Amino acid sequence: MEQRYPDNLVIGHYKGMAIVENEFGTLFYIEDMDEGMAPAGTVVEDGLMESIQNLREVDRDAILRAFGGRGE
């Protein structure tokens, strides 16, 4: 059986968080993950991510403005 790898790609950073987009265009974040730990282009596991819907509205809106998100 072929092993499937997640399509969760770090697309940037915001306030010390890595911003991740999955294959469906949905945005997530990982707290305390700066560019040195996960530069843009890094693939991350599902269990590390939290939905941006869990963030304060002001931060969520800023992330959506900066990074878009096809699935939002």
C-alpha atoms as a PDB file:
ATOM      1  CA  MET A   1       0.000   0.000   0.000  1.00  0.00           C
ATOM      2  CA  GLU A   2       1.311   3.416  -0.927  1.00  0.00           C
ATOM      3  CA  GLN A   3       1.911   5.752   2.008  1.00  0.00           C
ATOM      4  CA  ARG A   4       0.104   9.074   1.728  1.00  0.00           C
ATOM      5  CA  TYR A   5       1.737  12.212   3.039  1.00  0.00           C
ATOM      6  CA  PRO A   6      -0.265  15.215   4.204  1.00  0.00           C
ATOM      7  CA  ASP A   7      -0.597  18.195   1.890  1.00  0.00           C
ATOM      8  CA  ASN A   8      -0.323  20.706   4.732  1.00  0.00           C
ATOM      9  CA  LEU A   9       2.062  23.383   3.546  1.00  0.00           C
ATOM     10  CA  VAL A  10       3.443  26.269   5.603  1.00  0.00           C
ATOM     11  CA  ILE A  11       2.688  29.346   3.487  1.00  0.00           C
ATOM     12  CA  GLY A  12       3.912  32.060   5.847  1.00  0.00           C
ATOM     13  CA  HIS A  13       4.042  33.345   9.399  1.00  0.00           C
ATOM     14  CA  TYR A  14       2.006  35.718  11.547  1.00  0.00           C
ATOM     15  CA  LYS A  15       2.823  36.823  15.107  1.00  0.00           C
ATOM     16  CA  GLY A  16       5.052  33.814  15.798  1.00  0.00           C
ATOM     17  CA  MET A  17       2.622  31.332  14.253  1.00  0.00           C
ATOM     18  CA  ALA A  18       3.142  29.243  11.141  1.00  0.00           C
ATOM     19  CA  ILE A  19       0.219  29.615   8.752  1.00  0.00           C
ATOM     20  CA  VAL A  20      -0.624  26.369   6.983  1.00  0.00           C
ATOM     21  CA  GLU A  21      -2.840  25.690   3.974  1.00  0.00           C
ATOM     22  CA  ASN A  22      -4.136  22.186   3.268  1.00  0.00           C
ATOM     23  CA  GLU A  23      -4.936  20.682  -0.133  1.00  0.00           C
ATOM     24  CA  PHE A  24      -8.483  22.078   0.058  1.00  0.00           C
ATOM     25  CA  GLY A  25      -7.313  25.655   0.644  1.00  0.00           C
ATOM     26  CA  THR A  26      -8.324  25.738   4.308  1.00  0.00           C
ATOM     27  CA  LEU A  27      -6.042  27.741   6.593  1.00  0.00           C
ATOM     28  CA  PHE A  28      -4.657  26.558   9.912  1.00  0.00           C
ATOM     29  CA  TYR A  29      -2.023  27.778  12.333  1.00  0.00           C
ATOM     30  CA  ILE A  30       0.657  26.306  14.569  1.00  0.00           C
ATOM     31  CA  GLU A  31       1.529  28.362  17.644  1.00  0.00           C
ATOM     32  CA  ASP A  32       5.144  29.121  18.569  1.00  0.00           C
ATOM     33  CA  MET A  33       6.450  28.048  15.157  1.00  0.00           C
ATOM     34  CA  ASP A  34       8.666  30.741  13.687  1.00  0.00           C
ATOM     35  CA  GLU A  35      10.396  30.824  10.290  1.00  0.00           C
ATOM     36  CA  GLY A  36      13.528  29.193  11.693  1.00  0.00           C
ATOM     37  CA  MET A  37      11.541  26.161  12.846  1.00  0.00           C
ATOM     38  CA  ALA A  38       9.240  25.819   9.831  1.00  0.00           C
ATOM     39  CA  PRO A  39      10.124  27.975   6.832  1.00  0.00           C
ATOM     40  CA  ALA A  40       7.575  28.525   4.074  1.00  0.00           C
ATOM     41  CA  GLY A  41       7.293  25.346   2.032  1.00  0.00           C
ATOM     42  CA  THR A  42       7.557  22.992   5.022  1.00  0.00           C
ATOM     43  CA  VAL A  43       5.042  20.126   5.081  1.00  0.00           C
ATOM     44  CA  VAL A  44       3.529  19.512   8.530  1.00  0.00           C
ATOM     45  CA  GLU A  45       1.462  16.750  10.129  1.00  0.00           C
ATOM     46  CA  ASP A  46      -2.283  17.126  10.714  1.00  0.00           C
ATOM     47  CA  GLY A  47      -1.983  16.806  14.505  1.00  0.00           C
ATOM     48  CA  LEU A  48       0.135  19.948  14.833  1.00  0.00           C
ATOM     49  CA  MET A  49      -2.417  22.329  13.334  1.00  0.00           C
ATOM     50  CA  GLU A  50      -5.349  24.278  14.771  1.00  0.00           C
ATOM     51  CA  SER A  51      -8.138  25.875  12.752  1.00  0.00           C
ATOM     52  CA  ILE A  52      -7.813  29.635  12.330  1.00  0.00           C
ATOM     53  CA  GLN A  53     -11.471  29.738  13.420  1.00  0.00           C
ATOM     54  CA  ASN A  54     -10.131  29.214  16.968  1.00  0.00           C
ATOM     55  CA  LEU A  55      -8.256  32.540  16.857  1.00  0.00           C
ATOM     56  CA  ARG A  56      -9.535  35.945  17.886  1.00  0.00           C
ATOM     57  CA  GLU A  57     -11.491  37.585  15.094  1.00  0.00           C
ATOM     58  CA  VAL A  58      -8.909  40.348  14.598  1.00  0.00           C
ATOM     59  CA  ASP A  59      -6.111  37.807  14.082  1.00  0.00           C
ATOM     60  CA  ARG A  60      -8.251  35.549  11.884  1.00  0.00           C
ATOM     61  CA  ASP A  61      -9.204  38.506   9.665  1.00  0.00           C
ATOM     62  CA  ALA A  62      -5.575  39.637   9.373  1.00  0.00           C
ATOM     63  CA  ILE A  63      -4.498  36.129   8.353  1.00  0.00           C
ATOM     64  CA  LEU A  64      -7.276  35.882   5.760  1.00  0.00           C
ATOM     65  CA  ARG A  65      -6.304  39.269   4.311  1.00  0.00           C
ATOM     66  CA  ALA A  66      -2.621  38.352   4.158  1.00  0.00           C
ATOM     67  CA  PHE A  67      -2.830  34.725   3.025  1.00  0.00           C
ATOM     68  CA  GLY A  68      -6.264  34.288   1.470  1.00  0.00           C
ATOM     69  CA  GLY A  69      -7.391  30.724   1.744  1.00  0.00           C
ATOM     70  CA  ARG A  70      -9.382  29.077  -1.008  1.00  0.00           C
ATOM     71  CA  GLY A  71     -11.463  27.055   1.439  1.00  0.00           C
ATOM     72  CA  GLU A  72     -12.460  29.871   3.808  1.00  0.00           C
END
